[in-house]
């Protein structure tokens, strides 16, 4: 129903009003559910698919390089403030 039809509609009994109220409430709940789903999907982190050994090797390599970089950084700081 669009706005022009809603403005022209006249309610004759309380049961007409109750029926329209139930229809509006059902529509509001459906819209709320859809908006909730869209909101969650907007901020949902997409996890990359793990592809077995290749994922594990790259993860270990990335972690190892990070640890090595940290050790070099600590060593440079230690040498600088040792004097």
C-alpha atoms as a PDB file:
ATOM      1  CA  UNK A   1       0.000   0.000   0.000  1.00  0.00           C
ATOM      2  CA  UNK A   2       1.384   3.399  -0.851  1.00  0.00           C
ATOM      3  CA  UNK A   3       0.683   6.677   0.957  1.00  0.00           C
ATOM      4  CA  UNK A   4      -2.221   7.786  -1.267  1.00  0.00           C
ATOM      5  CA  UNK A   5      -4.131   4.581  -0.588  1.00  0.00           C
ATOM      6  CA  UNK A   6      -3.479   4.851   3.153  1.00  0.00           C
ATOM      7  CA  UNK A   7      -4.830   8.385   3.298  1.00  0.00           C
ATOM      8  CA  UNK A   8      -8.021   7.405   1.448  1.00  0.00           C
ATOM      9  CA  UNK A   9      -8.697   4.318   3.556  1.00  0.00           C
ATOM     10  CA  UNK A  10     -11.389   4.806   6.179  1.00  0.00           C
ATOM     11  CA  UNK A  11     -11.801   2.400   9.066  1.00  0.00           C
ATOM     12  CA  UNK A  12     -15.368   1.452   9.947  1.00  0.00           C
ATOM     13  CA  UNK A  13     -14.893  -0.801  12.990  1.00  0.00           C
ATOM     14  CA  UNK A  14     -12.404  -1.543  15.729  1.00  0.00           C
ATOM     15  CA  UNK A  15     -11.657  -4.906  14.119  1.00  0.00           C
ATOM     16  CA  UNK A  16     -10.499  -3.070  10.953  1.00  0.00           C
ATOM     17  CA  UNK A  17      -8.133  -1.002  13.077  1.00  0.00           C
ATOM     18  CA  UNK A  18      -6.857  -4.098  14.913  1.00  0.00           C
ATOM     19  CA  UNK A  19      -6.290  -5.901  11.621  1.00  0.00           C
ATOM     20  CA  UNK A  20      -4.353  -2.936  10.189  1.00  0.00           C
ATOM     21  CA  UNK A  21      -2.345  -2.691  13.410  1.00  0.00           C
ATOM     22  CA  UNK A  22      -1.400  -6.393  13.222  1.00  0.00           C
ATOM     23  CA  UNK A  23      -0.388  -6.040   9.578  1.00  0.00           C
ATOM     24  CA  UNK A  24       1.741  -2.977  10.339  1.00  0.00           C
ATOM     25  CA  UNK A  25       3.386  -4.718  13.305  1.00  0.00           C
ATOM     26  CA  UNK A  26       4.211  -7.782  11.194  1.00  0.00           C
ATOM     27  CA  UNK A  27       5.719  -5.552   8.515  1.00  0.00           C
ATOM     28  CA  UNK A  28       7.768  -3.636  11.099  1.00  0.00           C
ATOM     29  CA  UNK A  29       9.097  -6.884  12.583  1.00  0.00           C
ATOM     30  CA  UNK A  30      10.051  -8.214   9.139  1.00  0.00           C
ATOM     31  CA  UNK A  31      11.846  -4.966   8.301  1.00  0.00           C
ATOM     32  CA  UNK A  32      13.603  -5.009  11.672  1.00  0.00           C
ATOM     33  CA  UNK A  33      14.796  -8.574  11.099  1.00  0.00           C
ATOM     34  CA  UNK A  34      16.098  -7.696   7.626  1.00  0.00           C
ATOM     35  CA  UNK A  35      17.874  -4.575   8.913  1.00  0.00           C
ATOM     36  CA  UNK A  36      19.487  -6.620  11.705  1.00  0.00           C
ATOM     37  CA  UNK A  37      20.781  -9.146   9.197  1.00  0.00           C
ATOM     38  CA  UNK A  38      22.172  -6.390   6.947  1.00  0.00           C
ATOM     39  CA  UNK A  39      23.791  -4.622   9.909  1.00  0.00           C
ATOM     40  CA  UNK A  40      25.511  -7.813  11.085  1.00  0.00           C
ATOM     41  CA  UNK A  41      26.717  -8.639   7.588  1.00  0.00           C
ATOM     42  CA  UNK A  42      28.157  -5.126   7.253  1.00  0.00           C
ATOM     43  CA  UNK A  43      30.528  -5.571  10.203  1.00  0.00           C
ATOM     44  CA  UNK A  44      31.089  -9.316   9.924  1.00  0.00           C
ATOM     45  CA  UNK A  45      34.730 -10.269   9.443  1.00  0.00           C
ATOM     46  CA  UNK A  46      35.122 -12.635   6.548  1.00  0.00           C
ATOM     47  CA  UNK A  47      37.496 -15.413   7.517  1.00  0.00           C
ATOM     48  CA  UNK A  48      39.790 -16.610   4.745  1.00  0.00           C
ATOM     49  CA  UNK A  49      39.422 -20.260   3.904  1.00  0.00           C
ATOM     50  CA  UNK A  50      42.260 -22.336   5.253  1.00  0.00           C
ATOM     51  CA  UNK A  51      43.918 -24.253   2.475  1.00  0.00           C
ATOM     52  CA  UNK A  52      45.840 -26.880   4.415  1.00  0.00           C
ATOM     53  CA  UNK A  53      49.640 -26.837   4.372  1.00  0.00           C
ATOM     54  CA  UNK A  54      50.058 -23.630   2.364  1.00  0.00           C
ATOM     55  CA  UNK A  55      48.158 -21.637   4.972  1.00  0.00           C
ATOM     56  CA  UNK A  56      50.178 -23.176   7.811  1.00  0.00           C
ATOM     57  CA  UNK A  57      53.525 -22.542   6.104  1.00  0.00           C
ATOM     58  CA  UNK A  58      52.686 -18.919   5.360  1.00  0.00           C
ATOM     59  CA  UNK A  59      51.442 -18.420   8.928  1.00  0.00           C
ATOM     60  CA  UNK A  60      54.633 -19.875  10.415  1.00  0.00           C
ATOM     61  CA  UNK A  61      56.766 -17.813   8.032  1.00  0.00           C
ATOM     62  CA  UNK A  62      54.906 -14.620   8.882  1.00  0.00           C
ATOM     63  CA  UNK A  63      55.229 -15.272  12.622  1.00  0.00           C
ATOM     64  CA  UNK A  64      58.923 -16.141  12.313  1.00  0.00           C
ATOM     65  CA  UNK A  65      59.698 -12.951  10.394  1.00  0.00           C
ATOM     66  CA  UNK A  66      57.815 -10.917  13.003  1.00  0.00           C
ATOM     67  CA  UNK A  67      59.787 -12.492  15.858  1.00  0.00           C
ATOM     68  CA  UNK A  68      63.081 -11.958  14.018  1.00  0.00           C
ATOM     69  CA  UNK A  69      62.206  -8.309  13.376  1.00  0.00           C
ATOM     70  CA  UNK A  70      61.378  -7.850  17.067  1.00  0.00           C
ATOM     71  CA  UNK A  71      64.684  -9.388  18.128  1.00  0.00           C
ATOM     72  CA  UNK A  72      66.627  -7.094  15.783  1.00  0.00           C
ATOM     73  CA  UNK A  73      64.756  -4.073  17.140  1.00  0.00           C
ATOM     74  CA  UNK A  74      65.505  -5.014  20.761  1.00  0.00           C
ATOM     75  CA  UNK A  75      69.168  -5.605  19.867  1.00  0.00           C
ATOM     76  CA  UNK A  76      69.453  -2.137  18.248  1.00  0.00           C
ATOM     77  CA  UNK A  77      67.848  -0.465  21.263  1.00  0.00           C
ATOM     78  CA  UNK A  78      70.120  -2.387  23.631  1.00  0.00           C
ATOM     79  CA  UNK A  79      73.267  -1.351  21.713  1.00  0.00           C
ATOM     80  CA  UNK A  80      72.133   2.286  21.571  1.00  0.00           C
ATOM     81  CA  UNK A  81      71.491   2.652  25.328  1.00  0.00           C
ATOM     82  CA  UNK A  82      74.372   0.394  26.454  1.00  0.00           C
ATOM     83  CA  UNK A  83      76.888   3.235  26.147  1.00  0.00           C
END
